[in-house]
Amino acid sequence: RGDSPPEKTQISLKITDPDTGDDVGSKFKMDVKMPPGNP
């Protein structure tokens, strides 16, 4: 708990259809570039 400010790398993501509000995340894949030193 000593990081000041702490690194923010815990990802949450929601992709929805604007008309229906349905979650459509299953239609997508993702490439992530993490900050140095993070797996």
PDB file of all heavy atoms in Angstrom:
ATOM      1  N   ARG A   1       0.819  -1.214   0.000  1.00  0.00           N
ATOM      2  CA  ARG A   1       0.000   0.000   0.000  1.00  0.00           C
ATOM      3  C   ARG A   1       0.850   1.260   0.000  1.00  0.00           C
ATOM      4  O   ARG A   1       0.373   2.346   0.240  1.00  0.00           O
ATOM      5  CB  ARG A   1      -0.902   0.006   1.231  1.00  0.00           C
ATOM      6  CG  ARG A   1      -2.059  -0.929   1.127  1.00  0.00           C
ATOM      7  CD  ARG A   1      -3.050  -0.504   0.074  1.00  0.00           C
ATOM      8  NE  ARG A   1      -3.648   0.775   0.363  1.00  0.00           N
ATOM      9  CZ  ARG A   1      -4.172   1.564  -0.550  1.00  0.00           C
ATOM     10  NH1 ARG A   1      -4.125   1.254  -1.812  1.00  0.00           N
ATOM     11  NH2 ARG A   1      -4.714   2.716  -0.205  1.00  0.00           N
ATOM     12  N   GLY A   2       2.142   1.121  -0.316  1.00  0.00           N
ATOM     13  CA  GLY A   2       3.029   2.273  -0.218  1.00  0.00           C
ATOM     14  C   GLY A   2       3.171   3.065  -1.493  1.00  0.00           C
ATOM     15  O   GLY A   2       3.794   4.120  -1.496  1.00  0.00           O
ATOM     16  N   ASP A   3       2.656   2.563  -2.624  1.00  0.00           N
ATOM     17  CA  ASP A   3       2.795   3.271  -3.891  1.00  0.00           C
ATOM     18  C   ASP A   3       2.057   4.595  -3.837  1.00  0.00           C
ATOM     19  O   ASP A   3       0.892   4.649  -3.488  1.00  0.00           O
ATOM     20  CB  ASP A   3       2.238   2.420  -5.043  1.00  0.00           C
ATOM     21  CG  ASP A   3       3.019   1.137  -5.221  1.00  0.00           C
ATOM     22  OD1 ASP A   3       4.172   1.083  -4.784  1.00  0.00           O
ATOM     23  OD2 ASP A   3       2.464   0.211  -5.812  1.00  0.00           O
ATOM     24  N   SER A   4       2.744   5.679  -4.216  1.00  0.00           N
ATOM     25  CA  SER A   4       2.105   6.994  -4.195  1.00  0.00           C
ATOM     26  C   SER A   4       2.566   7.801  -5.394  1.00  0.00           C
ATOM     27  O   SER A   4       3.701   8.253  -5.445  1.00  0.00           O
ATOM     28  CB  SER A   4       2.453   7.725  -2.898  1.00  0.00           C
ATOM     29  OG  SER A   4       1.783   8.954  -2.826  1.00  0.00           O
ATOM     30  N   PRO A   5       1.704   8.040  -6.391  1.00  0.00           N
ATOM     31  CA  PRO A   5       0.373   7.438  -6.494  1.00  0.00           C
ATOM     32  C   PRO A   5       0.465   5.998  -6.976  1.00  0.00           C
ATOM     33  O   PRO A   5       1.453   5.630  -7.608  1.00  0.00           O
ATOM     34  CB  PRO A   5      -0.313   8.320  -7.547  1.00  0.00           C
ATOM     35  CG  PRO A   5       0.805   8.788  -8.418  1.00  0.00           C
ATOM     36  CD  PRO A   5       1.988   8.952  -7.505  1.00  0.00           C
ATOM     37  N   PRO A   6      -0.530   5.165  -6.676  1.00  0.00           N
ATOM     38  CA  PRO A   6      -0.457   3.766  -7.096  1.00  0.00           C
ATOM     39  C   PRO A   6      -0.633   3.624  -8.603  1.00  0.00           C
ATOM     40  O   PRO A   6      -1.297   4.445  -9.240  1.00  0.00           O
ATOM     41  CB  PRO A   6      -1.638   3.119  -6.354  1.00  0.00           C
ATOM     42  CG  PRO A   6      -2.598   4.238  -6.142  1.00  0.00           C
ATOM     43  CD  PRO A   6      -1.778   5.471  -5.961  1.00  0.00           C
ATOM     44  N   GLU A   7      -0.001   2.605  -9.172  1.00  0.00           N
ATOM     45  CA  GLU A   7      -0.226   2.303 -10.580  1.00  0.00           C
ATOM     46  C   GLU A   7      -1.635   1.756 -10.762  1.00  0.00           C
ATOM     47  O   GLU A   7      -2.133   1.006  -9.927  1.00  0.00           O
ATOM     48  CB  GLU A   7       0.792   1.265 -11.079  1.00  0.00           C
ATOM     49  CG  GLU A   7       2.153   1.835 -11.384  1.00  0.00           C
ATOM     50  CD  GLU A   7       3.013   0.839 -12.149  1.00  0.00           C
ATOM     51  OE1 GLU A   7       3.156  -0.294 -11.660  1.00  0.00           O
ATOM     52  OE2 GLU A   7       3.525   1.196 -13.214  1.00  0.00           O
ATOM     53  N   LYS A   8      -2.257   2.107 -11.874  1.00  0.00           N
ATOM     54  CA  LYS A   8      -3.611   1.641 -12.169  1.00  0.00           C
ATOM     55  C   LYS A   8      -3.555   0.763 -13.417  1.00  0.00           C
ATOM     56  O   LYS A   8      -3.510   1.275 -14.539  1.00  0.00           O
ATOM     57  CB  LYS A   8      -4.545   2.835 -12.364  1.00  0.00           C
ATOM     58  CG  LYS A   8      -4.872   3.557 -11.062  1.00  0.00           C
ATOM     59  CD  LYS A   8      -5.637   4.836 -11.264  1.00  0.00           C
ATOM     60  CE  LYS A   8      -4.730   5.988 -11.538  1.00  0.00           C
ATOM     61  NZ  LYS A   8      -5.391   7.299 -11.476  1.00  0.00           N
ATOM     62  N   THR A   9      -3.536  -0.565 -13.202  1.00  0.00           N
ATOM     63  CA  THR A   9      -3.418  -1.501 -14.326  1.00  0.00           C
ATOM     64  C   THR A   9      -4.459  -2.613 -14.284  1.00  0.00           C
ATOM     65  O   THR A   9      -4.429  -3.518 -15.116  1.00  0.00           O
ATOM     66  CB  THR A   9      -2.012  -2.143 -14.347  1.00  0.00           C
ATOM     67  OG1 THR A   9      -1.795  -2.869 -13.133  1.00  0.00           O
ATOM     68  CG2 THR A   9      -0.921  -1.094 -14.512  1.00  0.00           C
ATOM     69  N   GLN A  10      -5.396  -2.579 -13.305  1.00  0.00           N
ATOM     70  CA  GLN A  10      -6.442  -3.587 -13.222  1.00  0.00           C
ATOM     71  C   GLN A  10      -7.591  -3.197 -14.155  1.00  0.00           C
ATOM     72  O   GLN A  10      -8.343  -2.264 -13.880  1.00  0.00           O
ATOM     73  CB  GLN A  10      -6.945  -3.721 -11.788  1.00  0.00           C
ATOM     74  CG  GLN A  10      -5.873  -4.093 -10.783  1.00  0.00           C
ATOM     75  CD  GLN A  10      -5.335  -5.494 -11.008  1.00  0.00           C
ATOM     76  OE1 GLN A  10      -6.108  -6.421 -11.231  1.00  0.00           O
ATOM     77  NE2 GLN A  10      -4.024  -5.648 -10.961  1.00  0.00           N
ATOM     78  N   ILE A  11      -7.709  -3.906 -15.273  1.00  0.00           N
ATOM     79  CA  ILE A  11      -8.604  -3.495 -16.355  1.00  0.00           C
ATOM     80  C   ILE A  11     -10.024  -4.046 -16.175  1.00  0.00           C
ATOM     81  O   ILE A  11     -10.206  -5.218 -15.846  1.00  0.00           O
ATOM     82  CB  ILE A  11      -8.048  -3.975 -17.713  1.00  0.00           C
ATOM     83  CG1 ILE A  11      -6.707  -3.287 -18.002  1.00  0.00           C
ATOM     84  CG2 ILE A  11      -9.032  -3.713 -18.842  1.00  0.00           C
ATOM     85  CD1 ILE A  11      -6.010  -3.832 -19.236  1.00  0.00           C
ATOM     86  N   SER A  12     -11.008  -3.158 -16.398  1.00  0.00           N
ATOM     87  CA  SER A  12     -12.414  -3.565 -16.516  1.00  0.00           C
ATOM     88  C   SER A  12     -12.955  -2.937 -17.797  1.00  0.00           C
ATOM     89  O   SER A  12     -12.621  -1.792 -18.120  1.00  0.00           O
ATOM     90  CB  SER A  12     -13.237  -3.101 -15.324  1.00  0.00           C
ATOM     91  OG  SER A  12     -12.777  -3.682 -14.125  1.00  0.00           O
ATOM     92  N   LEU A  13     -13.806  -3.681 -18.509  1.00  0.00           N
ATOM     93  CA  LEU A  13     -14.277  -3.187 -19.802  1.00  0.00           C
ATOM     94  C   LEU A  13     -15.693  -3.681 -20.064  1.00  0.00           C
ATOM     95  O   LEU A  13     -16.016  -4.843 -19.822  1.00  0.00           O
ATOM     96  CB  LEU A  13     -13.351  -3.670 -20.920  1.00  0.00           C
ATOM     97  CG  LEU A  13     -13.702  -3.240 -22.346  1.00  0.00           C
ATOM     98  CD1 LEU A  13     -13.606  -1.728 -22.497  1.00  0.00           C
ATOM     99  CD2 LEU A  13     -12.795  -3.946 -23.352  1.00  0.00           C
ATOM    100  N   LYS A  14     -16.517  -2.757 -20.552  1.00  0.00           N
ATOM    101  CA  LYS A  14     -17.879  -3.101 -20.950  1.00  0.00           C
ATOM    102  C   LYS A  14     -18.173  -2.435 -22.281  1.00  0.00           C
ATOM    103  O   LYS A  14     -17.991  -1.223 -22.428  1.00  0.00           O
ATOM    104  CB  LYS A  14     -18.890  -2.646 -19.886  1.00  0.00           C
ATOM    105  CG  LYS A  14     -20.324  -3.083 -20.159  1.00  0.00           C
ATOM    106  CD  LYS A  14     -21.233  -2.635 -19.015  1.00  0.00           C
ATOM    107  CE  LYS A  14     -22.675  -3.086 -19.238  1.00  0.00           C
ATOM    108  NZ  LYS A  14     -23.552  -2.634 -18.125  1.00  0.00           N
ATOM    109  N   ILE A  15     -18.612  -3.228 -23.271  1.00  0.00           N
ATOM    110  CA  ILE A  15     -18.971  -2.706 -24.595  1.00  0.00           C
ATOM    111  C   ILE A  15     -20.438  -3.041 -24.829  1.00  0.00           C
ATOM    112  O   ILE A  15     -20.839  -4.206 -24.751  1.00  0.00           O
ATOM    113  CB  ILE A  15     -18.105  -3.331 -25.698  1.00  0.00           C
ATOM    114  CG1 ILE A  15     -16.611  -3.161 -25.368  1.00  0.00           C
ATOM    115  CG2 ILE A  15     -18.406  -2.698 -27.055  1.00  0.00           C
ATOM    116  CD1 ILE A  15     -15.690  -3.913 -26.307  1.00  0.00           C
ATOM    117  N   THR A  16     -21.231  -2.014 -25.097  1.00  0.00           N
ATOM    118  CA  THR A  16     -22.675  -2.234 -25.248  1.00  0.00           C
ATOM    119  C   THR A  16     -23.201  -1.623 -26.544  1.00  0.00           C
ATOM    120  O   THR A  16     -22.585  -0.722 -27.122  1.00  0.00           O
ATOM    121  CB  THR A  16     -23.455  -1.626 -24.057  1.00  0.00           C
ATOM    122  OG1 THR A  16     -23.141  -0.233 -23.958  1.00  0.00           O
ATOM    123  CG2 THR A  16     -23.106  -2.321 -22.762  1.00  0.00           C
ATOM    124  N   ASP A  17     -24.349  -2.121 -26.957  1.00  0.00           N
ATOM    125  CA  ASP A  17     -25.075  -1.563 -28.099  1.00  0.00           C
ATOM    126  C   ASP A  17     -25.845  -0.336 -27.616  1.00  0.00           C
ATOM    127  O   ASP A  17     -26.649  -0.431 -26.684  1.00  0.00           O
ATOM    128  CB  ASP A  17     -26.038  -2.621 -28.646  1.00  0.00           C
ATOM    129  CG  ASP A  17     -26.761  -2.165 -29.902  1.00  0.00           C
ATOM    130  OD1 ASP A  17     -27.293  -1.041 -29.905  1.00  0.00           O
ATOM    131  OD2 ASP A  17     -26.801  -2.941 -30.878  1.00  0.00           O
ATOM    132  N   PRO A  18     -25.633   0.861 -28.211  1.00  0.00           N
ATOM    133  CA  PRO A  18     -26.307   2.076 -27.734  1.00  0.00           C
ATOM    134  C   PRO A  18     -27.824   2.003 -27.826  1.00  0.00           C
ATOM    135  O   PRO A  18     -28.515   2.650 -27.026  1.00  0.00           O
ATOM    136  CB  PRO A  18     -25.763   3.176 -28.662  1.00  0.00           C
ATOM    137  CG  PRO A  18     -24.513   2.620 -29.251  1.00  0.00           C
ATOM    138  CD  PRO A  18     -24.716   1.134 -29.330  1.00  0.00           C
ATOM    139  N   ASP A  19     -28.362   1.241 -28.766  1.00  0.00           N
ATOM    140  CA  ASP A  19     -29.811   1.182 -28.961  1.00  0.00           C
ATOM    141  C   ASP A  19     -30.496   0.239 -27.981  1.00  0.00           C
ATOM    142  O   ASP A  19     -31.546   0.554 -27.429  1.00  0.00           O
ATOM    143  CB  ASP A  19     -30.127   0.761 -30.397  1.00  0.00           C
ATOM    144  CG  ASP A  19     -29.628   1.772 -31.418  1.00  0.00           C
ATOM    145  OD1 ASP A  19     -29.670   2.975 -31.114  1.00  0.00           O
ATOM    146  OD2 ASP A  19     -29.178   1.348 -32.503  1.00  0.00           O
ATOM    147  N   THR A  20     -29.895  -0.930 -27.763  1.00  0.00           N
ATOM    148  CA  THR A  20     -30.536  -1.941 -26.923  1.00  0.00           C
ATOM    149  C   THR A  20     -29.956  -2.013 -25.516  1.00  0.00           C
ATOM    150  O   THR A  20     -30.598  -2.534 -24.603  1.00  0.00           O
ATOM    151  CB  THR A  20     -30.404  -3.327 -27.574  1.00  0.00           C
ATOM    152  OG1 THR A  20     -29.019  -3.696 -27.635  1.00  0.00           O
ATOM    153  CG2 THR A  20     -30.976  -3.311 -28.989  1.00  0.00           C
ATOM    154  N   GLY A  21     -28.733  -1.527 -25.340  1.00  0.00           N
ATOM    155  CA  GLY A  21     -28.058  -1.649 -24.056  1.00  0.00           C
ATOM    156  C   GLY A  21     -27.461  -3.017 -23.819  1.00  0.00           C
ATOM    157  O   GLY A  21     -26.909  -3.282 -22.736  1.00  0.00           O
ATOM    158  N   ASP A  22     -27.537  -3.924 -24.805  1.00  0.00           N
ATOM    159  CA  ASP A  22     -27.005  -5.280 -24.646  1.00  0.00           C
ATOM    160  C   ASP A  22     -25.482  -5.270 -24.635  1.00  0.00           C
ATOM    161  O   ASP A  22     -24.840  -4.507 -25.372  1.00  0.00           O
ATOM    162  CB  ASP A  22     -27.490  -6.181 -25.787  1.00  0.00           C
ATOM    163  CG  ASP A  22     -28.990  -6.398 -25.742  1.00  0.00           C
ATOM    164  OD1 ASP A  22     -29.574  -6.223 -24.651  1.00  0.00           O
ATOM    165  OD2 ASP A  22     -29.577  -6.735 -26.796  1.00  0.00           O
ATOM    166  N   ASP A  23     -24.916  -6.142 -23.805  1.00  0.00           N
ATOM    167  CA  ASP A  23     -23.458  -6.313 -23.765  1.00  0.00           C
ATOM    168  C   ASP A  23     -23.020  -7.075 -25.015  1.00  0.00           C
ATOM    169  O   ASP A  23     -23.504  -8.169 -25.289  1.00  0.00           O
ATOM    170  CB  ASP A  23     -23.065  -7.083 -22.503  1.00  0.00           C
ATOM    171  CG  ASP A  23     -21.566  -7.038 -22.242  1.00  0.00           C
ATOM    172  OD1 ASP A  23     -20.787  -7.116 -23.208  1.00  0.00           O
ATOM    173  OD2 ASP A  23     -21.184  -6.932 -21.064  1.00  0.00           O
ATOM    174  N   VAL A  24     -22.098  -6.483 -25.781  1.00  0.00           N
ATOM    175  CA  VAL A  24     -21.637  -7.109 -27.027  1.00  0.00           C
ATOM    176  C   VAL A  24     -20.133  -7.362 -26.983  1.00  0.00           C
ATOM    177  O   VAL A  24     -19.472  -7.430 -28.013  1.00  0.00           O
ATOM    178  CB  VAL A  24     -22.006  -6.228 -28.249  1.00  0.00           C
ATOM    179  CG1 VAL A  24     -23.507  -6.180 -28.445  1.00  0.00           C
ATOM    180  CG2 VAL A  24     -21.441  -4.816 -28.093  1.00  0.00           C
ATOM    181  N   GLY A  25     -19.586  -7.499 -25.783  1.00  0.00           N
ATOM    182  CA  GLY A  25     -18.154  -7.718 -25.640  1.00  0.00           C
ATOM    183  C   GLY A  25     -17.661  -8.978 -26.316  1.00  0.00           C
ATOM    184  O   GLY A  25     -16.496  -9.057 -26.727  1.00  0.00           O
ATOM    185  N   SER A  26     -18.546  -9.987 -26.470  1.00  0.00           N
ATOM    186  CA  SER A  26     -18.135 -11.243 -27.096  1.00  0.00           C
ATOM    187  C   SER A  26     -17.772 -11.066 -28.574  1.00  0.00           C
ATOM    188  O   SER A  26     -17.131 -11.938 -29.162  1.00  0.00           O
ATOM    189  CB  SER A  26     -19.250 -12.281 -26.968  1.00  0.00           C
ATOM    190  OG  SER A  26     -20.446 -11.809 -27.569  1.00  0.00           O
ATOM    191  N   LYS A  27     -18.150  -9.934 -29.165  1.00  0.00           N
ATOM    192  CA  LYS A  27     -17.837  -9.686 -30.577  1.00  0.00           C
ATOM    193  C   LYS A  27     -16.427  -9.140 -30.777  1.00  0.00           C
ATOM    194  O   LYS A  27     -15.973  -8.990 -31.908  1.00  0.00           O
ATOM    195  CB  LYS A  27     -18.833  -8.681 -31.167  1.00  0.00           C
ATOM    196  CG  LYS A  27     -20.282  -9.153 -31.187  1.00  0.00           C
ATOM    197  CD  LYS A  27     -21.177  -8.086 -31.804  1.00  0.00           C
ATOM    198  CE  LYS A  27     -22.627  -8.551 -31.848  1.00  0.00           C
ATOM    199  NZ  LYS A  27     -23.515  -7.519 -32.461  1.00  0.00           N
ATOM    200  N   PHE A  28     -15.736  -8.835 -29.661  1.00  0.00           N
ATOM    201  CA  PHE A  28     -14.453  -8.148 -29.762  1.00  0.00           C
ATOM    202  C   PHE A  28     -13.329  -8.964 -29.137  1.00  0.00           C
ATOM    203  O   PHE A  28     -13.536  -9.773 -28.230  1.00  0.00           O
ATOM    204  CB  PHE A  28     -14.520  -6.789 -29.061  1.00  0.00           C
ATOM    205  CG  PHE A  28     -15.360  -5.774 -29.779  1.00  0.00           C
ATOM    206  CD1 PHE A  28     -16.733  -5.726 -29.587  1.00  0.00           C
ATOM    207  CD2 PHE A  28     -14.784  -4.869 -30.651  1.00  0.00           C
ATOM    208  CE1 PHE A  28     -17.515  -4.798 -30.244  1.00  0.00           C
ATOM    209  CE2 PHE A  28     -15.554  -3.934 -31.312  1.00  0.00           C
ATOM    210  CZ  PHE A  28     -16.922  -3.890 -31.120  1.00  0.00           C
ATOM    211  N   LYS A  29     -12.128  -8.722 -29.644  1.00  0.00           N
ATOM    212  CA  LYS A  29     -10.903  -9.153 -28.985  1.00  0.00           C
ATOM    213  C   LYS A  29     -10.068  -7.903 -28.730  1.00  0.00           C
ATOM    214  O   LYS A  29     -10.365  -6.818 -29.252  1.00  0.00           O
ATOM    215  CB  LYS A  29     -10.140 -10.171 -29.820  1.00  0.00           C
ATOM    216  CG  LYS A  29      -9.677  -9.676 -31.175  1.00  0.00           C
ATOM    217  CD  LYS A  29      -8.951 -10.792 -31.915  1.00  0.00           C
ATOM    218  CE  LYS A  29      -8.490 -10.316 -33.303  1.00  0.00           C
ATOM    219  NZ  LYS A  29      -7.738 -11.389 -34.012  1.00  0.00           N
ATOM    220  N   MET A  30      -9.012  -8.043 -27.954  1.00  0.00           N
ATOM    221  CA  MET A  30      -8.315  -6.851 -27.484  1.00  0.00           C
ATOM    222  C   MET A  30      -6.809  -7.092 -27.405  1.00  0.00           C
ATOM    223  O   MET A  30      -6.357  -8.157 -26.973  1.00  0.00           O
ATOM    224  CB  MET A  30      -8.870  -6.471 -26.101  1.00  0.00           C
ATOM    225  CG  MET A  30      -8.206  -5.301 -25.428  1.00  0.00           C
ATOM    226  SD  MET A  30      -9.083  -4.808 -23.900  1.00  0.00           S
ATOM    227  CE  MET A  30      -8.763  -6.234 -22.843  1.00  0.00           C
ATOM    228  N   ASP A  31      -6.040  -6.107 -27.832  1.00  0.00           N
ATOM    229  CA  ASP A  31      -4.605  -6.071 -27.596  1.00  0.00           C
ATOM    230  C   ASP A  31      -4.327  -5.016 -26.542  1.00  0.00           C
ATOM    231  O   ASP A  31      -4.858  -3.888 -26.615  1.00  0.00           O
ATOM    232  CB  ASP A  31      -3.842  -5.724 -28.878  1.00  0.00           C
ATOM    233  CG  ASP A  31      -3.711  -6.920 -29.812  1.00  0.00           C
ATOM    234  OD1 ASP A  31      -3.924  -8.053 -29.333  1.00  0.00           O
ATOM    235  OD2 ASP A  31      -3.424  -6.726 -31.002  1.00  0.00           O
ATOM    236  N   VAL A  32      -3.530  -5.366 -25.543  1.00  0.00           N
ATOM    237  CA  VAL A  32      -3.237  -4.469 -24.430  1.00  0.00           C
ATOM    238  C   VAL A  32      -1.735  -4.227 -24.359  1.00  0.00           C
ATOM    239  O   VAL A  32      -0.944  -5.177 -24.375  1.00  0.00           O
ATOM    240  CB  VAL A  32      -3.712  -5.063 -23.082  1.00  0.00           C
ATOM    241  CG1 VAL A  32      -3.470  -4.072 -21.952  1.00  0.00           C
ATOM    242  CG2 VAL A  32      -5.167  -5.459 -23.150  1.00  0.00           C
ATOM    243  N   LYS A  33      -1.355  -2.981 -24.288  1.00  0.00           N
ATOM    244  CA  LYS A  33       0.050  -2.637 -24.047  1.00  0.00           C
ATOM    245  C   LYS A  33       0.167  -2.161 -22.608  1.00  0.00           C
ATOM    246  O   LYS A  33      -0.341  -1.096 -22.246  1.00  0.00           O
ATOM    247  CB  LYS A  33       0.527  -1.562 -25.010  1.00  0.00           C
ATOM    248  CG  LYS A  33       2.035  -1.350 -24.936  1.00  0.00           C
ATOM    249  CD  LYS A  33       2.569  -0.602 -26.144  1.00  0.00           C
ATOM    250  CE  LYS A  33       4.087  -0.567 -26.091  1.00  0.00           C
ATOM    251  NZ  LYS A  33       4.663   0.117 -27.267  1.00  0.00           N
ATOM    252  N   MET A  34       0.821  -2.973 -21.782  1.00  0.00           N
ATOM    253  CA  MET A  34       0.934  -2.669 -20.362  1.00  0.00           C
ATOM    254  C   MET A  34       2.114  -1.730 -20.111  1.00  0.00           C
ATOM    255  O   MET A  34       3.084  -1.721 -20.870  1.00  0.00           O
ATOM    256  CB  MET A  34       1.118  -3.956 -19.561  1.00  0.00           C
ATOM    257  CG  MET A  34      -0.006  -4.959 -19.714  1.00  0.00           C
ATOM    258  SD  MET A  34      -1.570  -4.371 -19.027  1.00  0.00           S
ATOM    259  CE  MET A  34      -1.217  -4.433 -17.263  1.00  0.00           C
ATOM    260  N   PRO A  35       2.062  -0.937 -19.030  1.00  0.00           N
ATOM    261  CA  PRO A  35       3.219  -0.113 -18.648  1.00  0.00           C
ATOM    262  C   PRO A  35       4.417  -1.008 -18.339  1.00  0.00           C
ATOM    263  O   PRO A  35       4.252  -2.183 -17.986  1.00  0.00           O
ATOM    264  CB  PRO A  35       2.742   0.611 -17.386  1.00  0.00           C
ATOM    265  CG  PRO A  35       1.253   0.561 -17.447  1.00  0.00           C
ATOM    266  CD  PRO A  35       0.909  -0.716 -18.139  1.00  0.00           C
ATOM    267  N   PRO A  36       5.648  -0.498 -18.499  1.00  0.00           N
ATOM    268  CA  PRO A  36       6.851  -1.311 -18.242  1.00  0.00           C
ATOM    269  C   PRO A  36       6.823  -1.955 -16.864  1.00  0.00           C
ATOM    270  O   PRO A  36       6.431  -1.336 -15.876  1.00  0.00           O
ATOM    271  CB  PRO A  36       7.985  -0.285 -18.354  1.00  0.00           C
ATOM    272  CG  PRO A  36       7.447   0.798 -19.222  1.00  0.00           C
ATOM    273  CD  PRO A  36       5.984   0.875 -18.922  1.00  0.00           C
ATOM    274  N   GLY A  37       7.231  -3.227 -16.839  1.00  0.00           N
ATOM    275  CA  GLY A  37       7.319  -3.950 -15.574  1.00  0.00           C
ATOM    276  C   GLY A  37       6.046  -4.643 -15.149  1.00  0.00           C
ATOM    277  O   GLY A  37       6.028  -5.298 -14.102  1.00  0.00           O
ATOM    278  N   ASN A  38       4.972  -4.527 -15.937  1.00  0.00           N
ATOM    279  CA  ASN A  38       3.700  -5.163 -15.586  1.00  0.00           C
ATOM    280  C   ASN A  38       3.426  -6.348 -16.502  1.00  0.00           C
ATOM    281  O   ASN A  38       3.584  -6.234 -17.726  1.00  0.00           O
ATOM    282  CB  ASN A  38       2.547  -4.164 -15.693  1.00  0.00           C
ATOM    283  CG  ASN A  38       2.551  -3.146 -14.571  1.00  0.00           C
ATOM    284  OD1 ASN A  38       2.049  -3.395 -13.487  1.00  0.00           O
ATOM    285  ND2 ASN A  38       3.150  -1.993 -14.828  1.00  0.00           N
ATOM    286  N   PRO A  39       3.012  -7.503 -15.949  1.00  0.00           N
ATOM    287  CA  PRO A  39       2.712  -8.673 -16.771  1.00  0.00           C
ATOM    288  C   PRO A  39       1.395  -8.507 -17.510  1.00  0.00           C
ATOM    289  O   PRO A  39       0.617  -7.584 -17.241  1.00  0.00           O
ATOM    290  CB  PRO A  39       2.620  -9.807 -15.738  1.00  0.00           C
ATOM    291  CG  PRO A  39       2.149  -9.118 -14.489  1.00  0.00           C
ATOM    292  CD  PRO A  39       2.790  -7.760 -14.510  1.00  0.00           C
TER     293      PRO A  39
END
